[in-house]
Amino acid sequence: MAGQGGDMTQSNQKDPAGHSDSEVLSLKEIYTLLKKEIEMAALQSIPPDTFVKIAATLGELKGQGYEGVEAKVRDQLAELVAESARLLLAARQQKLLESNDIDYSKLTDEEKYIHDGFTEWASRSDTIADAASRGRPKVLESISARIRSKRVFVRFLKPTQQFIGIDLARYGPFEEEDIASLPLENARALVKSGEAVQVQIQ
């Protein structure tokens, strides 16, 4: 089968199905990592750029201009790669949640980012539990004020009419792809309704 992107079964730099170079991982390699992670009780060491390479693999696949049957094969292969990546990450995160002794050296940078979120969550839980159990309402009031004033960025997925935020300020109207800083509660409502997605602005 030939298309604009070449033969899908040919072993070259754009063959995520069975061959990898320094930029991508093959489906077989991803499956091998997933199989080992599931079979072993302890967190396994994986290359630190594993998820970067998986993203590159999917980018290569989606960039190939196949048509007809070849396009269907490409799309199915892309879905297998994506699902294997999701399962790999989920299996490793489950081990992180269940373990009290994490070997930080085995984590990719992306997993360290997630683990940092877990640590922050645990710290906040302890703070609230401590304030409530020790009778410190001022601490809880400070936390409430902070969360009510927190703002996040969202990217709109569809046109949205003007609305009044929880801070009583007017926002909008917004067009598709607009990015805005909104109160957390309003942003969550828009994300839940499918009108927007939260984005990170550095």
N, C-alpha and C. Protein backbone atom coordinates (compact mmCIF):
# COMPACT_ATOMS: atom_id res chain seq x y z
N MET A 1 0.86 -1.18 0.00
CA MET A 1 0.00 0.00 0.00
C MET A 1 0.89 1.23 0.00
N ALA A 2 0.63 2.17 -0.89
CA ALA A 2 1.45 3.36 -0.97
C ALA A 2 0.58 4.58 -0.90
N GLY A 3 1.08 5.62 -0.30
CA GLY A 3 0.35 6.88 -0.20
C GLY A 3 1.35 8.00 -0.17
N GLN A 4 0.87 9.19 0.13
CA GLN A 4 1.76 10.32 0.16
C GLN A 4 2.86 10.15 1.19
N GLY A 5 2.57 9.41 2.27
CA GLY A 5 3.57 9.24 3.31
C GLY A 5 4.47 8.06 3.10
N GLY A 6 4.25 7.25 2.00
CA GLY A 6 5.09 6.10 1.76
C GLY A 6 4.46 4.83 2.27
N ASP A 7 5.21 3.74 2.23
CA ASP A 7 4.71 2.44 2.65
C ASP A 7 4.64 2.36 4.16
N MET A 8 3.45 2.05 4.70
CA MET A 8 3.28 2.01 6.15
C MET A 8 4.06 0.88 6.79
N THR A 9 4.39 -0.16 6.04
CA THR A 9 5.08 -1.32 6.61
C THR A 9 6.59 -1.22 6.43
N GLN A 10 7.06 -0.22 5.72
CA GLN A 10 8.49 -0.08 5.48
C GLN A 10 9.21 0.38 6.73
N SER A 11 10.36 -0.21 7.04
CA SER A 11 11.13 0.19 8.22
C SER A 11 12.00 1.38 7.88
N ASN A 12 11.47 2.58 8.20
CA ASN A 12 12.25 3.79 8.04
C ASN A 12 11.96 4.70 9.22
N GLN A 13 12.34 5.94 9.13
CA GLN A 13 12.19 6.82 10.27
C GLN A 13 10.74 7.15 10.57
N LYS A 14 9.83 6.84 9.66
CA LYS A 14 8.43 7.15 9.89
C LYS A 14 7.61 5.86 9.93
N ASP A 15 8.06 4.91 10.74
CA ASP A 15 7.37 3.63 10.85
C ASP A 15 7.09 3.30 12.30
N PRO A 16 6.15 3.99 12.95
CA PRO A 16 5.84 3.73 14.35
C PRO A 16 5.24 2.35 14.58
N ALA A 17 4.84 1.66 13.52
CA ALA A 17 4.23 0.34 13.68
C ALA A 17 5.26 -0.71 14.09
N GLY A 18 6.50 -0.59 13.62
CA GLY A 18 7.43 -1.64 13.95
C GLY A 18 8.88 -1.23 14.06
N HIS A 19 9.15 0.03 13.92
CA HIS A 19 10.54 0.49 13.95
C HIS A 19 10.62 1.83 14.66
N SER A 20 11.66 2.04 15.42
CA SER A 20 11.82 3.35 16.06
C SER A 20 13.23 3.85 15.91
N ASP A 21 13.37 5.16 15.89
CA ASP A 21 14.70 5.76 15.91
C ASP A 21 14.79 6.63 17.16
N SER A 22 15.61 7.65 17.14
CA SER A 22 15.79 8.47 18.33
C SER A 22 14.59 9.34 18.63
N GLU A 23 13.63 9.41 17.70
CA GLU A 23 12.51 10.33 17.87
C GLU A 23 11.20 9.66 18.25
N VAL A 24 11.00 8.41 17.85
CA VAL A 24 9.70 7.77 18.06
C VAL A 24 9.86 6.39 18.70
N LEU A 25 8.74 5.82 19.15
CA LEU A 25 8.69 4.46 19.67
C LEU A 25 7.74 3.64 18.83
N SER A 26 8.07 2.38 18.60
CA SER A 26 7.17 1.51 17.86
C SER A 26 6.06 1.02 18.78
N LEU A 27 4.96 0.58 18.20
CA LEU A 27 3.87 0.02 18.98
C LEU A 27 4.37 -1.19 19.78
N LYS A 28 5.23 -1.99 19.18
CA LYS A 28 5.78 -3.16 19.87
C LYS A 28 6.56 -2.74 21.12
N GLU A 29 7.35 -1.68 21.01
CA GLU A 29 8.13 -1.20 22.15
C GLU A 29 7.22 -0.68 23.27
N ILE A 30 6.18 0.04 22.88
CA ILE A 30 5.24 0.55 23.88
C ILE A 30 4.52 -0.60 24.56
N TYR A 31 4.11 -1.59 23.77
CA TYR A 31 3.42 -2.75 24.34
C TYR A 31 4.34 -3.50 25.30
N THR A 32 5.61 -3.62 24.96
CA THR A 32 6.57 -4.31 25.83
C THR A 32 6.69 -3.60 27.18
N LEU A 33 6.76 -2.26 27.14
CA LEU A 33 6.82 -1.50 28.38
C LEU A 33 5.55 -1.70 29.21
N LEU A 34 4.39 -1.68 28.54
CA LEU A 34 3.11 -1.85 29.22
C LEU A 34 3.00 -3.24 29.83
N LYS A 35 3.37 -4.27 29.08
CA LYS A 35 3.28 -5.64 29.56
C LYS A 35 4.16 -5.85 30.80
N LYS A 36 5.37 -5.32 30.76
CA LYS A 36 6.28 -5.47 31.90
C LYS A 36 5.75 -4.73 33.12
N GLU A 37 5.18 -3.54 32.90
CA GLU A 37 4.65 -2.74 34.02
C GLU A 37 3.49 -3.45 34.69
N ILE A 38 2.63 -4.08 33.89
CA ILE A 38 1.47 -4.78 34.44
C ILE A 38 1.87 -6.06 35.16
N GLU A 39 2.86 -6.75 34.63
CA GLU A 39 3.26 -8.05 35.19
C GLU A 39 4.08 -7.90 36.48
N MET A 40 4.79 -6.79 36.63
CA MET A 40 5.67 -6.61 37.79
C MET A 40 4.97 -5.77 38.86
N ALA A 41 5.15 -6.17 40.11
CA ALA A 41 4.50 -5.45 41.21
C ALA A 41 5.14 -4.10 41.47
N ALA A 42 6.46 -4.02 41.31
CA ALA A 42 7.18 -2.76 41.59
C ALA A 42 7.16 -1.85 40.38
N LEU A 43 7.31 -0.56 40.63
CA LEU A 43 7.39 0.41 39.55
C LEU A 43 8.64 0.13 38.73
N GLN A 44 8.49 0.06 37.41
CA GLN A 44 9.61 -0.26 36.53
C GLN A 44 10.32 1.00 36.05
N SER A 45 11.61 0.85 35.75
CA SER A 45 12.35 1.95 35.14
C SER A 45 12.04 1.99 33.66
N ILE A 46 11.69 3.16 33.16
CA ILE A 46 11.46 3.33 31.72
C ILE A 46 12.30 4.51 31.25
N PRO A 47 12.62 4.58 29.97
CA PRO A 47 13.41 5.72 29.47
C PRO A 47 12.74 7.04 29.84
N PRO A 48 13.51 8.03 30.28
CA PRO A 48 12.92 9.30 30.74
C PRO A 48 12.13 10.05 29.66
N ASP A 49 12.42 9.75 28.39
CA ASP A 49 11.71 10.45 27.30
C ASP A 49 10.61 9.59 26.69
N THR A 50 10.13 8.57 27.42
CA THR A 50 9.13 7.64 26.88
C THR A 50 7.89 8.36 26.37
N PHE A 51 7.31 9.22 27.18
CA PHE A 51 6.04 9.85 26.78
C PHE A 51 6.26 10.92 25.71
N VAL A 52 7.44 11.53 25.69
CA VAL A 52 7.78 12.46 24.61
C VAL A 52 7.84 11.71 23.29
N LYS A 53 8.47 10.54 23.31
CA LYS A 53 8.58 9.74 22.09
C LYS A 53 7.21 9.21 21.64
N ILE A 54 6.36 8.86 22.60
CA ILE A 54 5.02 8.41 22.23
C ILE A 54 4.26 9.53 21.55
N ALA A 55 4.39 10.75 22.08
CA ALA A 55 3.74 11.90 21.45
C ALA A 55 4.29 12.12 20.04
N ALA A 56 5.61 11.95 19.89
CA ALA A 56 6.23 12.10 18.57
C ALA A 56 5.74 11.02 17.62
N THR A 57 5.55 9.82 18.14
CA THR A 57 5.05 8.71 17.33
C THR A 57 3.68 9.04 16.77
N LEU A 58 2.80 9.54 17.65
CA LEU A 58 1.45 9.89 17.20
C LEU A 58 1.49 11.07 16.23
N GLY A 59 2.42 11.99 16.46
CA GLY A 59 2.55 13.10 15.53
C GLY A 59 2.97 12.63 14.15
N GLU A 60 3.89 11.65 14.11
CA GLU A 60 4.32 11.08 12.83
C GLU A 60 3.15 10.40 12.12
N LEU A 61 2.40 9.62 12.88
CA LEU A 61 1.27 8.90 12.28
C LEU A 61 0.23 9.86 11.71
N LYS A 62 -0.13 10.85 12.50
CA LYS A 62 -1.17 11.78 12.07
C LYS A 62 -0.71 12.67 10.93
N GLY A 63 0.60 12.79 10.77
CA GLY A 63 1.12 13.63 9.70
C GLY A 63 1.25 12.91 8.37
N GLN A 64 0.99 11.60 8.35
CA GLN A 64 1.11 10.83 7.12
C GLN A 64 -0.19 10.96 6.31
N GLY A 65 -0.05 11.36 5.04
CA GLY A 65 -1.24 11.66 4.22
C GLY A 65 -1.80 10.47 3.48
N TYR A 66 -2.27 9.48 4.21
CA TYR A 66 -2.88 8.32 3.58
C TYR A 66 -4.35 8.56 3.29
N GLU A 67 -4.89 7.75 2.39
CA GLU A 67 -6.31 7.82 2.05
C GLU A 67 -6.90 6.41 2.03
N GLY A 68 -8.22 6.34 2.10
CA GLY A 68 -8.91 5.07 1.99
C GLY A 68 -8.53 4.08 3.06
N VAL A 69 -8.22 2.84 2.63
CA VAL A 69 -7.89 1.76 3.56
C VAL A 69 -6.64 2.10 4.36
N GLU A 70 -5.67 2.70 3.69
CA GLU A 70 -4.43 3.06 4.39
C GLU A 70 -4.69 4.04 5.53
N ALA A 71 -5.61 4.98 5.30
CA ALA A 71 -5.96 5.95 6.35
C ALA A 71 -6.61 5.26 7.54
N LYS A 72 -7.45 4.25 7.26
CA LYS A 72 -8.10 3.51 8.34
C LYS A 72 -7.07 2.73 9.15
N VAL A 73 -6.10 2.13 8.46
CA VAL A 73 -5.03 1.40 9.15
C VAL A 73 -4.23 2.36 10.03
N ARG A 74 -3.90 3.52 9.46
CA ARG A 74 -3.15 4.52 10.23
C ARG A 74 -3.92 4.96 11.47
N ASP A 75 -5.21 5.21 11.30
CA ASP A 75 -6.03 5.66 12.43
C ASP A 75 -6.14 4.60 13.51
N GLN A 76 -6.27 3.34 13.09
CA GLN A 76 -6.35 2.24 14.07
C GLN A 76 -5.03 2.08 14.80
N LEU A 77 -3.93 2.22 14.07
CA LEU A 77 -2.61 2.13 14.69
C LEU A 77 -2.41 3.26 15.69
N ALA A 78 -2.84 4.46 15.31
CA ALA A 78 -2.72 5.61 16.20
C ALA A 78 -3.53 5.39 17.48
N GLU A 79 -4.72 4.81 17.35
CA GLU A 79 -5.55 4.55 18.52
C GLU A 79 -4.91 3.50 19.43
N LEU A 80 -4.29 2.49 18.84
CA LEU A 80 -3.60 1.47 19.64
C LEU A 80 -2.43 2.09 20.41
N VAL A 81 -1.67 2.95 19.75
CA VAL A 81 -0.54 3.61 20.40
C VAL A 81 -1.05 4.49 21.54
N ALA A 82 -2.11 5.27 21.26
CA ALA A 82 -2.65 6.18 22.28
C ALA A 82 -3.20 5.41 23.47
N GLU A 83 -3.94 4.35 23.22
CA GLU A 83 -4.53 3.57 24.30
C GLU A 83 -3.45 2.87 25.12
N SER A 84 -2.42 2.36 24.46
CA SER A 84 -1.31 1.72 25.18
C SER A 84 -0.60 2.74 26.07
N ALA A 85 -0.45 3.95 25.58
CA ALA A 85 0.18 5.01 26.38
C ALA A 85 -0.67 5.34 27.61
N ARG A 86 -1.99 5.43 27.41
CA ARG A 86 -2.88 5.73 28.53
C ARG A 86 -2.82 4.62 29.58
N LEU A 87 -2.81 3.38 29.13
CA LEU A 87 -2.75 2.25 30.06
C LEU A 87 -1.42 2.21 30.80
N LEU A 88 -0.33 2.51 30.09
CA LEU A 88 0.99 2.53 30.72
C LEU A 88 1.04 3.59 31.82
N LEU A 89 0.57 4.78 31.51
CA LEU A 89 0.58 5.85 32.50
C LEU A 89 -0.32 5.51 33.68
N ALA A 90 -1.50 4.96 33.39
CA ALA A 90 -2.45 4.61 34.46
C ALA A 90 -1.87 3.53 35.37
N ALA A 91 -1.21 2.52 34.80
CA ALA A 91 -0.62 1.44 35.60
C ALA A 91 0.46 1.98 36.51
N ARG A 92 1.26 2.89 36.01
CA ARG A 92 2.35 3.45 36.80
C ARG A 92 1.81 4.40 37.87
N GLN A 93 0.79 5.18 37.53
CA GLN A 93 0.22 6.09 38.52
C GLN A 93 -0.47 5.33 39.65
N GLN A 94 -1.08 4.20 39.34
CA GLN A 94 -1.71 3.39 40.37
C GLN A 94 -0.67 2.91 41.38
N LYS A 95 0.49 2.53 40.90
CA LYS A 95 1.56 2.11 41.80
C LYS A 95 2.04 3.28 42.66
N LEU A 96 2.09 4.46 42.08
CA LEU A 96 2.50 5.64 42.85
C LEU A 96 1.51 5.93 43.96
N LEU A 97 0.22 5.78 43.68
CA LEU A 97 -0.80 6.04 44.67
C LEU A 97 -0.76 5.03 45.81
N GLU A 98 -0.39 3.80 45.49
CA GLU A 98 -0.43 2.72 46.48
C GLU A 98 0.87 2.57 47.26
N SER A 99 1.92 3.25 46.82
CA SER A 99 3.23 3.07 47.46
C SER A 99 3.56 4.23 48.38
N ASN A 100 4.19 3.91 49.51
CA ASN A 100 4.66 4.94 50.44
C ASN A 100 6.16 5.22 50.27
N ASP A 101 6.79 4.45 49.39
CA ASP A 101 8.23 4.58 49.19
C ASP A 101 8.50 4.67 47.69
N ILE A 102 8.40 5.88 47.14
CA ILE A 102 8.55 6.09 45.71
C ILE A 102 10.03 6.26 45.35
N ASP A 103 10.48 5.49 44.36
CA ASP A 103 11.82 5.67 43.82
C ASP A 103 11.73 6.75 42.75
N TYR A 104 12.06 7.97 43.16
CA TYR A 104 11.88 9.14 42.29
C TYR A 104 12.68 9.01 41.00
N SER A 105 13.78 8.27 41.04
CA SER A 105 14.65 8.14 39.87
C SER A 105 13.98 7.36 38.74
N LYS A 106 12.93 6.61 39.06
CA LYS A 106 12.24 5.81 38.04
C LYS A 106 11.14 6.58 37.31
N LEU A 107 10.89 7.81 37.76
CA LEU A 107 9.81 8.59 37.17
C LEU A 107 10.31 9.43 35.99
N THR A 108 9.46 9.55 34.99
CA THR A 108 9.75 10.50 33.91
C THR A 108 9.43 11.91 34.44
N ASP A 109 9.85 12.93 33.71
CA ASP A 109 9.55 14.30 34.14
C ASP A 109 8.05 14.53 34.21
N GLU A 110 7.32 13.94 33.28
CA GLU A 110 5.86 14.09 33.28
C GLU A 110 5.25 13.47 34.52
N GLU A 111 5.78 12.32 34.92
CA GLU A 111 5.28 11.66 36.12
C GLU A 111 5.68 12.41 37.39
N LYS A 112 6.83 13.04 37.37
CA LYS A 112 7.24 13.88 38.51
C LYS A 112 6.28 15.06 38.65
N TYR A 113 5.83 15.58 37.53
CA TYR A 113 4.86 16.68 37.54
C TYR A 113 3.55 16.22 38.18
N ILE A 114 3.11 15.01 37.83
CA ILE A 114 1.89 14.46 38.42
C ILE A 114 2.09 14.19 39.91
N HIS A 115 3.24 13.60 40.25
CA HIS A 115 3.53 13.28 41.65
C HIS A 115 3.59 14.54 42.50
N ASP A 116 4.10 15.62 41.92
CA ASP A 116 4.14 16.89 42.63
C ASP A 116 2.72 17.34 42.98
N GLY A 117 1.78 17.07 42.06
CA GLY A 117 0.38 17.40 42.32
C GLY A 117 -0.19 16.56 43.45
N PHE A 118 0.18 15.27 43.47
CA PHE A 118 -0.26 14.38 44.56
C PHE A 118 0.24 14.91 45.90
N THR A 119 1.51 15.30 45.93
CA THR A 119 2.12 15.80 47.17
C THR A 119 1.41 17.05 47.65
N GLU A 120 1.10 17.95 46.72
CA GLU A 120 0.40 19.19 47.08
C GLU A 120 -1.00 18.88 47.60
N TRP A 121 -1.66 17.92 46.98
CA TRP A 121 -3.00 17.51 47.42
C TRP A 121 -2.95 16.98 48.85
N ALA A 122 -1.98 16.13 49.14
CA ALA A 122 -1.85 15.56 50.49
C ALA A 122 -1.56 16.65 51.51
N SER A 123 -0.71 17.61 51.14
CA SER A 123 -0.36 18.70 52.05
C SER A 123 -1.58 19.56 52.36
N ARG A 124 -2.38 19.85 51.34
CA ARG A 124 -3.57 20.66 51.55
C ARG A 124 -4.59 19.92 52.41
N SER A 125 -4.72 18.62 52.18
CA SER A 125 -5.65 17.82 52.99
C SER A 125 -5.25 17.86 54.46
N ASP A 126 -3.95 17.72 54.72
CA ASP A 126 -3.45 17.75 56.10
C ASP A 126 -3.70 19.12 56.74
N THR A 127 -3.52 20.19 55.96
CA THR A 127 -3.72 21.54 56.49
C THR A 127 -5.17 21.75 56.92
N ILE A 128 -6.11 21.33 56.08
CA ILE A 128 -7.52 21.50 56.40
C ILE A 128 -7.93 20.63 57.58
N ALA A 129 -7.47 19.37 57.58
CA ALA A 129 -7.80 18.47 58.68
C ALA A 129 -7.25 19.01 60.01
N ASP A 130 -6.03 19.55 59.96
CA ASP A 130 -5.41 20.08 61.17
C ASP A 130 -6.17 21.31 61.68
N ALA A 131 -6.53 22.22 60.76
CA ALA A 131 -7.24 23.43 61.16
C ALA A 131 -8.62 23.10 61.73
N ALA A 132 -9.31 22.16 61.12
CA ALA A 132 -10.65 21.79 61.58
C ALA A 132 -10.59 21.09 62.93
N SER A 133 -9.62 20.18 63.09
CA SER A 133 -9.54 19.40 64.32
C SER A 133 -8.97 20.19 65.49
N ARG A 134 -8.23 21.28 65.20
CA ARG A 134 -7.62 22.08 66.26
C ARG A 134 -8.38 23.38 66.53
N GLY A 135 -9.54 23.52 65.88
CA GLY A 135 -10.36 24.70 66.11
C GLY A 135 -9.73 25.98 65.63
N ARG A 136 -9.29 26.01 64.39
CA ARG A 136 -8.65 27.21 63.83
C ARG A 136 -9.46 27.72 62.63
N PRO A 137 -10.60 28.34 62.89
CA PRO A 137 -11.47 28.80 61.80
C PRO A 137 -10.82 29.85 60.91
N LYS A 138 -9.92 30.66 61.46
CA LYS A 138 -9.27 31.70 60.66
C LYS A 138 -8.47 31.09 59.51
N VAL A 139 -7.85 29.95 59.78
CA VAL A 139 -7.08 29.27 58.73
C VAL A 139 -8.01 28.83 57.61
N LEU A 140 -9.17 28.26 57.99
CA LEU A 140 -10.13 27.80 56.99
C LEU A 140 -10.73 28.97 56.22
N GLU A 141 -10.96 30.08 56.93
CA GLU A 141 -11.51 31.26 56.25
C GLU A 141 -10.51 31.81 55.24
N SER A 142 -9.23 31.75 55.57
CA SER A 142 -8.19 32.21 54.66
C SER A 142 -8.13 31.33 53.42
N ILE A 143 -8.26 30.03 53.63
CA ILE A 143 -8.25 29.09 52.51
C ILE A 143 -9.45 29.34 51.60
N SER A 144 -10.63 29.55 52.22
CA SER A 144 -11.85 29.82 51.45
C SER A 144 -11.70 31.08 50.61
N ALA A 145 -11.14 32.12 51.20
CA ALA A 145 -10.95 33.38 50.48
C ALA A 145 -9.99 33.20 49.31
N ARG A 146 -8.95 32.39 49.54
CA ARG A 146 -7.97 32.17 48.49
C ARG A 146 -8.57 31.44 47.30
N ILE A 147 -9.38 30.39 47.58
CA ILE A 147 -9.95 29.61 46.48
C ILE A 147 -11.02 30.40 45.74
N ARG A 148 -11.74 31.27 46.46
CA ARG A 148 -12.76 32.08 45.81
C ARG A 148 -12.14 33.12 44.88
N SER A 149 -10.92 33.56 45.21
CA SER A 149 -10.26 34.59 44.40
C SER A 149 -9.36 34.00 43.32
N LYS A 150 -9.19 32.69 43.33
CA LYS A 150 -8.29 32.06 42.35
C LYS A 150 -8.85 32.20 40.94
N ARG A 151 -7.97 32.45 40.00
CA ARG A 151 -8.35 32.57 38.60
C ARG A 151 -7.56 31.57 37.77
N VAL A 152 -8.17 31.08 36.71
CA VAL A 152 -7.50 30.16 35.80
C VAL A 152 -7.78 30.61 34.37
N PHE A 153 -6.94 30.15 33.45
CA PHE A 153 -7.13 30.46 32.04
C PHE A 153 -7.92 29.34 31.36
N VAL A 154 -8.81 29.73 30.48
CA VAL A 154 -9.56 28.77 29.68
C VAL A 154 -9.50 29.18 28.22
N ARG A 155 -9.62 28.17 27.35
CA ARG A 155 -9.73 28.43 25.91
C ARG A 155 -11.13 28.01 25.47
N PHE A 156 -11.83 28.91 24.85
CA PHE A 156 -13.23 28.64 24.47
C PHE A 156 -13.30 27.77 23.22
N LEU A 157 -14.18 26.78 23.29
CA LEU A 157 -14.37 25.85 22.19
C LEU A 157 -15.54 26.24 21.29
N LYS A 158 -16.33 27.18 21.74
CA LYS A 158 -17.48 27.65 20.97
C LYS A 158 -17.82 29.08 21.42
N PRO A 159 -18.55 29.83 20.61
CA PRO A 159 -18.95 31.18 21.01
C PRO A 159 -19.76 31.13 22.31
N THR A 160 -19.47 32.04 23.21
CA THR A 160 -20.13 32.09 24.52
C THR A 160 -20.58 33.52 24.81
N GLN A 161 -21.83 33.64 25.23
CA GLN A 161 -22.38 34.96 25.52
C GLN A 161 -21.78 35.55 26.79
N GLN A 162 -21.94 36.84 26.93
CA GLN A 162 -21.45 37.53 28.13
C GLN A 162 -22.14 36.97 29.37
N PHE A 163 -21.41 36.89 30.48
CA PHE A 163 -21.99 36.39 31.73
C PHE A 163 -21.39 37.14 32.92
N ILE A 164 -22.07 37.03 34.05
CA ILE A 164 -21.60 37.65 35.29
C ILE A 164 -20.85 36.60 36.10
N GLY A 165 -19.59 36.88 36.45
CA GLY A 165 -18.81 35.94 37.24
C GLY A 165 -19.19 35.96 38.70
N ILE A 166 -18.66 35.01 39.47
CA ILE A 166 -18.96 34.97 40.91
C ILE A 166 -18.41 36.19 41.64
N ASP A 167 -17.49 36.90 40.97
CA ASP A 167 -16.95 38.13 41.54
C ASP A 167 -17.77 39.35 41.12
N LEU A 168 -18.92 39.07 40.43
CA LEU A 168 -19.86 40.09 39.96
C LEU A 168 -19.31 40.94 38.81
N ALA A 169 -18.18 40.54 38.24
CA ALA A 169 -17.64 41.22 37.06
C ALA A 169 -18.26 40.61 35.80
N ARG A 170 -18.31 41.41 34.73
CA ARG A 170 -18.84 40.91 33.46
C ARG A 170 -17.71 40.31 32.62
N TYR A 171 -17.99 39.18 31.99
CA TYR A 171 -17.00 38.51 31.14
C TYR A 171 -17.63 38.20 29.79
N GLY A 172 -16.85 38.43 28.73
CA GLY A 172 -17.32 38.11 27.40
C GLY A 172 -18.00 39.29 26.73
N PRO A 173 -18.63 38.99 25.58
CA PRO A 173 -18.77 37.67 24.96
C PRO A 173 -17.44 37.15 24.41
N PHE A 174 -17.39 35.82 24.19
CA PHE A 174 -16.18 35.18 23.70
C PHE A 174 -16.46 34.44 22.40
N GLU A 175 -15.44 34.39 21.54
CA GLU A 175 -15.51 33.63 20.31
C GLU A 175 -14.68 32.35 20.45
N GLU A 176 -14.90 31.40 19.56
CA GLU A 176 -14.13 30.16 19.57
C GLU A 176 -12.63 30.47 19.50
N GLU A 177 -11.83 29.80 20.33
CA GLU A 177 -10.38 29.93 20.43
C GLU A 177 -9.94 31.14 21.26
N ASP A 178 -10.88 31.95 21.75
CA ASP A 178 -10.49 33.02 22.67
C ASP A 178 -9.94 32.41 23.96
N ILE A 179 -8.99 33.08 24.58
CA ILE A 179 -8.42 32.67 25.87
C ILE A 179 -8.70 33.77 26.88
N ALA A 180 -9.18 33.37 28.06
CA ALA A 180 -9.53 34.36 29.08
C ALA A 180 -9.17 33.85 30.47
N SER A 181 -8.87 34.78 31.36
CA SER A 181 -8.63 34.48 32.77
C SER A 181 -9.95 34.68 33.51
N LEU A 182 -10.44 33.62 34.17
CA LEU A 182 -11.75 33.66 34.82
C LEU A 182 -11.65 33.15 36.25
N PRO A 183 -12.63 33.53 37.10
CA PRO A 183 -12.69 32.92 38.44
C PRO A 183 -12.80 31.41 38.32
N LEU A 184 -12.17 30.70 39.24
CA LEU A 184 -12.10 29.25 39.19
C LEU A 184 -13.47 28.60 39.01
N GLU A 185 -14.47 29.02 39.81
CA GLU A 185 -15.78 28.37 39.75
C GLU A 185 -16.44 28.57 38.40
N ASN A 186 -16.33 29.76 37.81
CA ASN A 186 -16.89 30.00 36.49
C ASN A 186 -16.17 29.17 35.43
N ALA A 187 -14.84 29.08 35.56
CA ALA A 187 -14.06 28.29 34.61
C ALA A 187 -14.47 26.83 34.66
N ARG A 188 -14.65 26.30 35.88
CA ARG A 188 -15.04 24.90 36.03
C ARG A 188 -16.40 24.64 35.38
N ALA A 189 -17.33 25.57 35.55
CA ALA A 189 -18.66 25.41 34.97
C ALA A 189 -18.59 25.38 33.45
N LEU A 190 -17.75 26.22 32.86
CA LEU A 190 -17.60 26.25 31.41
C LEU A 190 -16.94 24.98 30.88
N VAL A 191 -15.95 24.50 31.62
CA VAL A 191 -15.28 23.26 31.21
C VAL A 191 -16.26 22.09 31.29
N LYS A 192 -17.04 22.03 32.36
CA LYS A 192 -18.01 20.94 32.54
C LYS A 192 -19.07 20.94 31.46
N SER A 193 -19.47 22.13 31.00
CA SER A 193 -20.50 22.23 29.97
C SER A 193 -19.95 21.98 28.57
N GLY A 194 -18.63 21.89 28.45
CA GLY A 194 -18.03 21.65 27.15
C GLY A 194 -17.80 22.90 26.33
N GLU A 195 -17.98 24.06 26.95
CA GLU A 195 -17.79 25.32 26.24
C GLU A 195 -16.33 25.75 26.19
N ALA A 196 -15.52 25.22 27.10
CA ALA A 196 -14.12 25.65 27.17
C ALA A 196 -13.27 24.54 27.77
N VAL A 197 -11.96 24.69 27.64
CA VAL A 197 -11.00 23.78 28.28
C VAL A 197 -10.00 24.63 29.05
N GLN A 198 -9.55 24.12 30.18
CA GLN A 198 -8.56 24.86 30.95
C GLN A 198 -7.20 24.72 30.30
N VAL A 199 -6.43 25.81 30.30
CA VAL A 199 -5.10 25.80 29.71
C VAL A 199 -4.11 26.41 30.70
N GLN A 200 -2.85 26.03 30.53
CA GLN A 200 -1.79 26.56 31.37
C GLN A 200 -1.06 27.66 30.62
N ILE A 201 -1.00 28.83 31.18
CA ILE A 201 -0.29 29.95 30.58
C ILE A 201 0.92 30.26 31.44
N GLN A 202 2.11 30.10 30.86
CA GLN A 202 3.33 30.34 31.62
C GLN A 202 3.72 31.81 31.54
